[in-house]
Amino acid sequence: MSSYEKGWKEVSIAGVCWLPSTKYLTGDWSPYKPVRDKAKCNKCLLCHMYCPDGAVIWNSKAEDIEFNYNFCKGCGICANECPQGAIEIILK
């Protein structure tokens, strides 16, 4: 038996992934990514709360928001929910 673990791209169509999503860097699913305008952002953290992938992270040491592009799928929910219009979805 091989110790090789398949990446998410190698799982068959309609296949079931047997490991949690934290084991796969799934951020390359989309050609889009969020970019934040720090001047507009009031750090309300709605982007963090609404992100379905946990890709918007509050860095308590820097007291700032970060995007984990390894898991961000570019869905745009963070930009849609931002009341300040501080997040734009762009092509990678």
PDB file of N, CA and C in Angstrom:
ATOM      1  N   MET A   1       0.834  -1.174   0.000  1.00  0.00           N
ATOM      2  CA  MET A   1       0.000   0.000   0.000  1.00  0.00           C
ATOM      3  C   MET A   1       0.879   1.237   0.000  1.00  0.00           C
ATOM      4  N   SER A   2       0.559   2.170  -0.852  1.00  0.00           N
ATOM      5  CA  SER A   2       1.338   3.392  -1.008  1.00  0.00           C
ATOM      6  C   SER A   2       0.973   4.414   0.063  1.00  0.00           C
ATOM      7  N   SER A   3       1.953   5.207   0.471  1.00  0.00           N
ATOM      8  CA  SER A   3       1.684   6.268   1.449  1.00  0.00           C
ATOM      9  C   SER A   3       1.314   7.569   0.739  1.00  0.00           C
ATOM     10  N   TYR A   4       1.215   7.525  -0.573  1.00  0.00           N
ATOM     11  CA  TYR A   4       0.859   8.702  -1.364  1.00  0.00           C
ATOM     12  C   TYR A   4      -0.603   9.077  -1.152  1.00  0.00           C
ATOM     13  N   GLU A   5      -0.849  10.353  -0.817  1.00  0.00           N
ATOM     14  CA  GLU A   5      -2.216  10.842  -0.664  1.00  0.00           C
ATOM     15  C   GLU A   5      -2.559  11.703  -1.872  1.00  0.00           C
ATOM     16  N   LYS A   6      -3.694  11.438  -2.476  1.00  0.00           N
ATOM     17  CA  LYS A   6      -4.125  12.199  -3.629  1.00  0.00           C
ATOM     18  C   LYS A   6      -4.433  13.636  -3.240  1.00  0.00           C
ATOM     19  N   GLY A   7      -4.143  14.552  -4.139  1.00  0.00           N
ATOM     20  CA  GLY A   7      -4.547  15.935  -3.958  1.00  0.00           C
ATOM     21  C   GLY A   7      -5.993  16.086  -4.394  1.00  0.00           C
ATOM     22  N   TRP A   8      -6.606  17.218  -4.090  1.00  0.00           N
ATOM     23  CA  TRP A   8      -8.025  17.394  -4.408  1.00  0.00           C
ATOM     24  C   TRP A   8      -8.280  17.310  -5.904  1.00  0.00           C
ATOM     25  N   LYS A   9      -7.307  17.654  -6.732  1.00  0.00           N
ATOM     26  CA  LYS A   9      -7.498  17.607  -8.185  1.00  0.00           C
ATOM     27  C   LYS A   9      -7.523  16.170  -8.712  1.00  0.00           C
ATOM     28  N   GLU A  10      -7.037  15.236  -7.918  1.00  0.00           N
ATOM     29  CA  GLU A  10      -6.979  13.843  -8.339  1.00  0.00           C
ATOM     30  C   GLU A  10      -8.179  13.021  -7.893  1.00  0.00           C
ATOM     31  N   VAL A  11      -9.057  13.612  -7.107  1.00  0.00           N
ATOM     32  CA  VAL A  11     -10.262  12.908  -6.677  1.00  0.00           C
ATOM     33  C   VAL A  11     -11.228  12.875  -7.858  1.00  0.00           C
ATOM     34  N   SER A  12     -11.831  11.741  -8.126  1.00  0.00           N
ATOM     35  CA  SER A  12     -12.741  11.587  -9.263  1.00  0.00           C
ATOM     36  C   SER A  12     -13.900  12.576  -9.192  1.00  0.00           C
ATOM     37  N   ILE A  13     -14.444  12.916 -10.348  1.00  0.00           N
ATOM     38  CA  ILE A  13     -15.630  13.765 -10.400  1.00  0.00           C
ATOM     39  C   ILE A  13     -16.727  13.081  -9.596  1.00  0.00           C
ATOM     40  N   ALA A  14     -17.388  13.841  -8.748  1.00  0.00           N
ATOM     41  CA  ALA A  14     -18.426  13.349  -7.833  1.00  0.00           C
ATOM     42  C   ALA A  14     -17.860  12.413  -6.771  1.00  0.00           C
ATOM     43  N   GLY A  15     -16.538  12.358  -6.654  1.00  0.00           N
ATOM     44  CA  GLY A  15     -15.923  11.537  -5.621  1.00  0.00           C
ATOM     45  C   GLY A  15     -16.049  12.199  -4.265  1.00  0.00           C
ATOM     46  N   VAL A  16     -15.905  11.439  -3.251  1.00  0.00           N
ATOM     47  CA  VAL A  16     -16.018  11.937  -1.882  1.00  0.00           C
ATOM     48  C   VAL A  16     -14.617  12.080  -1.308  1.00  0.00           C
ATOM     49  N   CYS A  17     -14.339  13.244  -0.803  1.00  0.00           N
ATOM     50  CA  CYS A  17     -13.049  13.492  -0.183  1.00  0.00           C
ATOM     51  C   CYS A  17     -13.054  12.886   1.219  1.00  0.00           C
ATOM     52  N   TRP A  18     -12.071  12.132   1.555  1.00  0.00           N
ATOM     53  CA  TRP A  18     -12.014  11.415   2.818  1.00  0.00           C
ATOM     54  C   TRP A  18     -11.217  12.153   3.891  1.00  0.00           C
ATOM     55  N   LEU A  19     -10.675  13.316   3.545  1.00  0.00           N
ATOM     56  CA  LEU A  19      -9.916  14.106   4.497  1.00  0.00           C
ATOM     57  C   LEU A  19     -10.547  15.498   4.628  1.00  0.00           C
ATOM     58  N   PRO A  20     -10.311  16.194   5.714  1.00  0.00           N
ATOM     59  CA  PRO A  20     -10.878  17.532   5.863  1.00  0.00           C
ATOM     60  C   PRO A  20     -10.241  18.518   4.883  1.00  0.00           C
ATOM     61  N   SER A  21     -10.951  19.587   4.605  1.00  0.00           N
ATOM     62  CA  SER A  21     -10.456  20.578   3.644  1.00  0.00           C
ATOM     63  C   SER A  21      -9.173  21.251   4.108  1.00  0.00           C
ATOM     64  N   THR A  22      -8.884  21.186   5.404  1.00  0.00           N
ATOM     65  CA  THR A  22      -7.650  21.777   5.899  1.00  0.00           C
ATOM     66  C   THR A  22      -6.410  21.016   5.431  1.00  0.00           C
ATOM     67  N   LYS A  23      -6.594  19.814   4.908  1.00  0.00           N
ATOM     68  CA  LYS A  23      -5.482  19.036   4.388  1.00  0.00           C
ATOM     69  C   LYS A  23      -5.131  19.424   2.946  1.00  0.00           C
ATOM     70  N   TYR A  24      -6.033  20.138   2.270  1.00  0.00           N
ATOM     71  CA  TYR A  24      -5.812  20.512   0.872  1.00  0.00           C
ATOM     72  C   TYR A  24      -5.784  22.023   0.742  1.00  0.00           C
ATOM     73  N   LEU A  25      -4.851  22.512  -0.032  1.00  0.00           N
ATOM     74  CA  LEU A  25      -4.819  23.929  -0.356  1.00  0.00           C
ATOM     75  C   LEU A  25      -5.758  24.121  -1.541  1.00  0.00           C
ATOM     76  N   THR A  26      -6.958  24.591  -1.263  1.00  0.00           N
ATOM     77  CA  THR A  26      -8.004  24.658  -2.274  1.00  0.00           C
ATOM     78  C   THR A  26      -8.176  26.038  -2.882  1.00  0.00           C
ATOM     79  N   GLY A  27      -7.280  26.949  -2.594  1.00  0.00           N
ATOM     80  CA  GLY A  27      -7.413  28.314  -3.080  1.00  0.00           C
ATOM     81  C   GLY A  27      -7.232  28.483  -4.572  1.00  0.00           C
ATOM     82  N   ASP A  28      -6.789  27.463  -5.251  1.00  0.00           N
ATOM     83  CA  ASP A  28      -6.605  27.595  -6.703  1.00  0.00           C
ATOM     84  C   ASP A  28      -7.835  27.157  -7.493  1.00  0.00           C
ATOM     85  N   TRP A  29      -8.980  27.023  -6.834  1.00  0.00           N
ATOM     86  CA  TRP A  29     -10.222  26.649  -7.520  1.00  0.00           C
ATOM     87  C   TRP A  29     -10.757  27.769  -8.384  1.00  0.00           C
ATOM     88  N   SER A  30     -10.412  28.993  -8.095  1.00  0.00           N
ATOM     89  CA  SER A  30     -11.011  30.134  -8.772  1.00  0.00           C
ATOM     90  C   SER A  30      -9.940  31.071  -9.307  1.00  0.00           C
ATOM     91  N   PRO A  31     -10.240  31.755 -10.385  1.00  0.00           N
ATOM     92  CA  PRO A  31      -9.286  32.742 -10.897  1.00  0.00           C
ATOM     93  C   PRO A  31      -9.398  34.088 -10.180  1.00  0.00           C
ATOM     94  N   TYR A  32     -10.261  34.182  -9.168  1.00  0.00           N
ATOM     95  CA  TYR A  32     -10.505  35.449  -8.481  1.00  0.00           C
ATOM     96  C   TYR A  32      -9.953  35.446  -7.063  1.00  0.00           C
ATOM     97  N   LYS A  33      -9.666  36.655  -6.560  1.00  0.00           N
ATOM     98  CA  LYS A  33      -9.238  36.792  -5.171  1.00  0.00           C
ATOM     99  C   LYS A  33      -9.691  38.144  -4.640  1.00  0.00           C
ATOM    100  N   PRO A  34      -9.923  38.245  -3.329  1.00  0.00           N
ATOM    101  CA  PRO A  34     -10.303  39.521  -2.731  1.00  0.00           C
ATOM    102  C   PRO A  34      -9.074  40.372  -2.417  1.00  0.00           C
ATOM    103  N   VAL A  35      -9.248  41.676  -2.587  1.00  0.00           N
ATOM    104  CA  VAL A  35      -8.208  42.637  -2.217  1.00  0.00           C
ATOM    105  C   VAL A  35      -8.901  43.723  -1.401  1.00  0.00           C
ATOM    106  N   ARG A  36      -8.309  44.075  -0.275  1.00  0.00           N
ATOM    107  CA  ARG A  36      -8.929  45.032   0.638  1.00  0.00           C
ATOM    108  C   ARG A  36      -8.251  46.389   0.533  1.00  0.00           C
ATOM    109  N   ASP A  37      -9.074  47.435   0.506  1.00  0.00           N
ATOM    110  CA  ASP A  37      -8.588  48.812   0.557  1.00  0.00           C
ATOM    111  C   ASP A  37      -8.535  49.186   2.036  1.00  0.00           C
ATOM    112  N   LYS A  38      -7.337  49.242   2.604  1.00  0.00           N
ATOM    113  CA  LYS A  38      -7.177  49.484   4.035  1.00  0.00           C
ATOM    114  C   LYS A  38      -7.716  50.858   4.455  1.00  0.00           C
ATOM    115  N   ALA A  39      -7.695  51.808   3.537  1.00  0.00           N
ATOM    116  CA  ALA A  39      -8.188  53.149   3.857  1.00  0.00           C
ATOM    117  C   ALA A  39      -9.706  53.160   4.062  1.00  0.00           C
ATOM    118  N   LYS A  40     -10.420  52.295   3.345  1.00  0.00           N
ATOM    119  CA  LYS A  40     -11.882  52.221   3.469  1.00  0.00           C
ATOM    120  C   LYS A  40     -12.337  51.304   4.600  1.00  0.00           C
ATOM    121  N   CYS A  41     -11.521  50.331   4.956  1.00  0.00           N
ATOM    122  CA  CYS A  41     -11.895  49.289   5.914  1.00  0.00           C
ATOM    123  C   CYS A  41     -11.963  49.835   7.341  1.00  0.00           C
ATOM    124  N   ASN A  42     -13.065  49.559   8.033  1.00  0.00           N
ATOM    125  CA  ASN A  42     -13.185  49.954   9.440  1.00  0.00           C
ATOM    126  C   ASN A  42     -13.039  48.749  10.378  1.00  0.00           C
ATOM    127  N   LYS A  43     -12.607  47.625   9.829  1.00  0.00           N
ATOM    128  CA  LYS A  43     -12.337  46.394  10.585  1.00  0.00           C
ATOM    129  C   LYS A  43     -13.558  45.910  11.373  1.00  0.00           C
ATOM    130  N   CYS A  44     -14.710  45.948  10.741  1.00  0.00           N
ATOM    131  CA  CYS A  44     -15.946  45.473  11.380  1.00  0.00           C
ATOM    132  C   CYS A  44     -15.988  43.949  11.480  1.00  0.00           C
ATOM    133  N   LEU A  45     -15.187  43.269  10.697  1.00  0.00           N
ATOM    134  CA  LEU A  45     -15.043  41.811  10.676  1.00  0.00           C
ATOM    135  C   LEU A  45     -16.237  41.058  10.094  1.00  0.00           C
ATOM    136  N   LEU A  46     -17.126  41.754   9.387  1.00  0.00           N
ATOM    137  CA  LEU A  46     -18.213  41.036   8.719  1.00  0.00           C
ATOM    138  C   LEU A  46     -17.653  40.089   7.662  1.00  0.00           C
ATOM    139  N   CYS A  47     -16.577  40.488   6.997  1.00  0.00           N
ATOM    140  CA  CYS A  47     -15.950  39.612   6.002  1.00  0.00           C
ATOM    141  C   CYS A  47     -15.494  38.305   6.652  1.00  0.00           C
ATOM    142  N   HIS A  48     -14.936  38.409   7.828  1.00  0.00           N
ATOM    143  CA  HIS A  48     -14.480  37.236   8.584  1.00  0.00           C
ATOM    144  C   HIS A  48     -15.665  36.342   8.967  1.00  0.00           C
ATOM    145  N   MET A  49     -16.739  36.960   9.423  1.00  0.00           N
ATOM    146  CA  MET A  49     -17.904  36.185   9.866  1.00  0.00           C
ATOM    147  C   MET A  49     -18.618  35.485   8.714  1.00  0.00           C
ATOM    148  N   TYR A  50     -18.661  36.122   7.547  1.00  0.00           N
ATOM    149  CA  TYR A  50     -19.402  35.551   6.421  1.00  0.00           C
ATOM    150  C   TYR A  50     -18.581  34.616   5.539  1.00  0.00           C
ATOM    151  N   CYS A  51     -17.276  34.619   5.660  1.00  0.00           N
ATOM    152  CA  CYS A  51     -16.448  33.773   4.787  1.00  0.00           C
ATOM    153  C   CYS A  51     -16.744  32.292   5.034  1.00  0.00           C
ATOM    154  N   PRO A  52     -17.236  31.571   4.014  1.00  0.00           N
ATOM    155  CA  PRO A  52     -17.575  30.156   4.210  1.00  0.00           C
ATOM    156  C   PRO A  52     -16.360  29.234   4.306  1.00  0.00           C
ATOM    157  N   ASP A  53     -15.188  29.757   3.948  1.00  0.00           N
ATOM    158  CA  ASP A  53     -13.992  28.927   3.948  1.00  0.00           C
ATOM    159  C   ASP A  53     -13.015  29.266   5.062  1.00  0.00           C
ATOM    160  N   GLY A  54     -13.358  30.225   5.902  1.00  0.00           N
ATOM    161  CA  GLY A  54     -12.442  30.632   6.967  1.00  0.00           C
ATOM    162  C   GLY A  54     -11.167  31.243   6.428  1.00  0.00           C
ATOM    163  N   ALA A  55     -11.242  31.846   5.243  1.00  0.00           N
ATOM    164  CA  ALA A  55     -10.058  32.401   4.594  1.00  0.00           C
ATOM    165  C   ALA A  55      -9.798  33.856   4.968  1.00  0.00           C
ATOM    166  N   VAL A  56     -10.729  34.479   5.677  1.00  0.00           N
ATOM    167  CA  VAL A  56     -10.510  35.836   6.179  1.00  0.00           C
ATOM    168  C   VAL A  56     -10.177  35.693   7.655  1.00  0.00           C
ATOM    169  N   ILE A  57      -8.995  36.123   8.007  1.00  0.00           N
ATOM    170  CA  ILE A  57      -8.464  35.871   9.341  1.00  0.00           C
ATOM    171  C   ILE A  57      -8.177  37.185  10.057  1.00  0.00           C
ATOM    172  N   TRP A  58      -8.515  37.236  11.338  1.00  0.00           N
ATOM    173  CA  TRP A  58      -8.154  38.380  12.167  1.00  0.00           C
ATOM    174  C   TRP A  58      -6.811  38.073  12.822  1.00  0.00           C
ATOM    175  N   ASN A  59      -5.798  38.875  12.507  1.00  0.00           N
ATOM    176  CA  ASN A  59      -4.476  38.726  13.105  1.00  0.00           C
ATOM    177  C   ASN A  59      -4.437  39.638  14.322  1.00  0.00           C
ATOM    178  N   SER A  60      -4.533  39.059  15.502  1.00  0.00           N
ATOM    179  CA  SER A  60      -4.618  39.852  16.734  1.00  0.00           C
ATOM    180  C   SER A  60      -3.315  40.584  17.044  1.00  0.00           C
ATOM    181  N   LYS A  61      -2.192  40.025  16.637  1.00  0.00           N
ATOM    182  CA  LYS A  61      -0.913  40.700  16.889  1.00  0.00           C
ATOM    183  C   LYS A  61      -0.787  41.962  16.046  1.00  0.00           C
ATOM    184  N   ALA A  62      -1.160  41.865  14.778  1.00  0.00           N
ATOM    185  CA  ALA A  62      -1.093  43.023  13.886  1.00  0.00           C
ATOM    186  C   ALA A  62      -2.349  43.886  13.978  1.00  0.00           C
ATOM    187  N   GLU A  63      -3.367  43.369  14.664  1.00  0.00           N
ATOM    188  CA  GLU A  63      -4.679  44.012  14.745  1.00  0.00           C
ATOM    189  C   GLU A  63      -5.177  44.410  13.354  1.00  0.00           C
ATOM    190  N   ASP A  64      -5.163  43.398  12.486  1.00  0.00           N
ATOM    191  CA  ASP A  64      -5.561  43.632  11.102  1.00  0.00           C
ATOM    192  C   ASP A  64      -6.137  42.355  10.495  1.00  0.00           C
ATOM    193  N   ILE A  65      -6.813  42.540   9.378  1.00  0.00           N
ATOM    194  CA  ILE A  65      -7.438  41.450   8.640  1.00  0.00           C
ATOM    195  C   ILE A  65      -6.456  40.930   7.601  1.00  0.00           C
ATOM    196  N   GLU A  66      -6.421  39.611   7.443  1.00  0.00           N
ATOM    197  CA  GLU A  66      -5.588  38.979   6.421  1.00  0.00           C
ATOM    198  C   GLU A  66      -6.436  37.993   5.628  1.00  0.00           C
ATOM    199  N   PHE A  67      -6.074  37.798   4.374  1.00  0.00           N
ATOM    200  CA  PHE A  67      -6.720  36.786   3.540  1.00  0.00           C
ATOM    201  C   PHE A  67      -5.773  35.607   3.413  1.00  0.00           C
ATOM    202  N   ASN A  68      -6.283  34.406   3.655  1.00  0.00           N
ATOM    203  CA  ASN A  68      -5.496  33.194   3.439  1.00  0.00           C
ATOM    204  C   ASN A  68      -5.841  32.694   2.044  1.00  0.00           C
ATOM    205  N   TYR A  69      -5.033  33.088   1.073  1.00  0.00           N
ATOM    206  CA  TYR A  69      -5.297  32.734  -0.321  1.00  0.00           C
ATOM    207  C   TYR A  69      -5.106  31.247  -0.601  1.00  0.00           C
ATOM    208  N   ASN A  70      -4.533  30.509   0.341  1.00  0.00           N
ATOM    209  CA  ASN A  70      -4.419  29.058   0.170  1.00  0.00           C
ATOM    210  C   ASN A  70      -5.779  28.373   0.230  1.00  0.00           C
ATOM    211  N   PHE A  71      -6.759  29.024   0.880  1.00  0.00           N
ATOM    212  CA  PHE A  71      -8.082  28.430   1.023  1.00  0.00           C
ATOM    213  C   PHE A  71      -9.206  29.279   0.437  1.00  0.00           C
ATOM    214  N   CYS A  72      -8.923  30.535   0.095  1.00  0.00           N
ATOM    215  CA  CYS A  72      -9.941  31.416  -0.491  1.00  0.00           C
ATOM    216  C   CYS A  72     -10.309  30.923  -1.884  1.00  0.00           C
ATOM    217  N   LYS A  73     -11.609  30.786  -2.119  1.00  0.00           N
ATOM    218  CA  LYS A  73     -12.075  30.316  -3.426  1.00  0.00           C
ATOM    219  C   LYS A  73     -12.602  31.447  -4.298  1.00  0.00           C
ATOM    220  N   GLY A  74     -12.441  32.697  -3.854  1.00  0.00           N
ATOM    221  CA  GLY A  74     -12.827  33.840  -4.666  1.00  0.00           C
ATOM    222  C   GLY A  74     -14.318  33.975  -4.881  1.00  0.00           C
ATOM    223  N   CYS A  75     -15.114  33.538  -3.927  1.00  0.00           N
ATOM    224  CA  CYS A  75     -16.571  33.534  -4.099  1.00  0.00           C
ATOM    225  C   CYS A  75     -17.173  34.936  -4.073  1.00  0.00           C
ATOM    226  N   GLY A  76     -16.501  35.880  -3.402  1.00  0.00           N
ATOM    227  CA  GLY A  76     -16.984  37.256  -3.371  1.00  0.00           C
ATOM    228  C   GLY A  76     -17.945  37.586  -2.242  1.00  0.00           C
ATOM    229  N   ILE A  77     -18.228  36.645  -1.372  1.00  0.00           N
ATOM    230  CA  ILE A  77     -19.147  36.916  -0.267  1.00  0.00           C
ATOM    231  C   ILE A  77     -18.590  38.022   0.619  1.00  0.00           C
ATOM    232  N   CYS A  78     -17.299  38.007   0.886  1.00  0.00           N
ATOM    233  CA  CYS A  78     -16.697  39.039   1.742  1.00  0.00           C
ATOM    234  C   CYS A  78     -16.908  40.428   1.141  1.00  0.00           C
ATOM    235  N   ALA A  79     -16.715  40.560  -0.162  1.00  0.00           N
ATOM    236  CA  ALA A  79     -16.906  41.848  -0.829  1.00  0.00           C
ATOM    237  C   ALA A  79     -18.372  42.257  -0.822  1.00  0.00           C
ATOM    238  N   ASN A  80     -19.246  41.301  -1.026  1.00  0.00           N
ATOM    239  CA  ASN A  80     -20.682  41.582  -1.035  1.00  0.00           C
ATOM    240  C   ASN A  80     -21.192  42.044   0.327  1.00  0.00           C
ATOM    241  N   GLU A  81     -20.660  41.484   1.396  1.00  0.00           N
ATOM    242  CA  GLU A  81     -21.119  41.797   2.745  1.00  0.00           C
ATOM    243  C   GLU A  81     -20.420  43.009   3.367  1.00  0.00           C
ATOM    244  N   CYS A  82     -19.364  43.497   2.748  1.00  0.00           N
ATOM    245  CA  CYS A  82     -18.608  44.612   3.311  1.00  0.00           C
ATOM    246  C   CYS A  82     -19.414  45.906   3.210  1.00  0.00           C
ATOM    247  N   PRO A  83     -19.823  46.496   4.344  1.00  0.00           N
ATOM    248  CA  PRO A  83     -20.637  47.710   4.295  1.00  0.00           C
ATOM    249  C   PRO A  83     -19.851  48.944   3.838  1.00  0.00           C
ATOM    250  N   GLN A  84     -18.533  48.872   3.889  1.00  0.00           N
ATOM    251  CA  GLN A  84     -17.694  50.004   3.498  1.00  0.00           C
ATOM    252  C   GLN A  84     -17.260  49.943   2.029  1.00  0.00           C
ATOM    253  N   GLY A  85     -17.529  48.819   1.365  1.00  0.00           N
ATOM    254  CA  GLY A  85     -17.069  48.647  -0.011  1.00  0.00           C
ATOM    255  C   GLY A  85     -15.550  48.591  -0.089  1.00  0.00           C
ATOM    256  N   ALA A  86     -14.935  48.048   0.964  1.00  0.00           N
ATOM    257  CA  ALA A  86     -13.480  48.027   1.066  1.00  0.00           C
ATOM    258  C   ALA A  86     -12.834  46.808   0.413  1.00  0.00           C
ATOM    259  N   ILE A  87     -13.641  45.853  -0.026  1.00  0.00           N
ATOM    260  CA  ILE A  87     -13.087  44.635  -0.634  1.00  0.00           C
ATOM    261  C   ILE A  87     -13.532  44.544  -2.079  1.00  0.00           C
ATOM    262  N   GLU A  88     -12.573  44.324  -2.940  1.00  0.00           N
ATOM    263  CA  GLU A  88     -12.841  44.166  -4.373  1.00  0.00           C
ATOM    264  C   GLU A  88     -12.352  42.780  -4.782  1.00  0.00           C
ATOM    265  N   ILE A  89     -13.122  42.131  -5.633  1.00  0.00           N
ATOM    266  CA  ILE A  89     -12.727  40.825  -6.163  1.00  0.00           C
ATOM    267  C   ILE A  89     -12.059  41.069  -7.517  1.00  0.00           C
ATOM    268  N   ILE A  90     -10.820  40.603  -7.633  1.00  0.00           N
ATOM    269  CA  ILE A  90     -10.053  40.818  -8.866  1.00  0.00           C
ATOM    270  C   ILE A  90      -9.584  39.477  -9.419  1.00  0.00           C
ATOM    271  N   LEU A  91      -9.100  39.495 -10.645  1.00  0.00           N
ATOM    272  CA  LEU A  91      -8.473  38.304 -11.230  1.00  0.00           C
ATOM    273  C   LEU A  91      -7.105  38.115 -10.586  1.00  0.00           C
ATOM    274  N   LYS A  92      -6.732  36.868 -10.343  1.00  0.00           N
ATOM    275  CA  LYS A  92      -5.409  36.559  -9.747  1.00  0.00           C
ATOM    276  C   LYS A  92      -4.310  36.909 -10.712  1.00  0.00           C
TER     277      LYS A  92
END
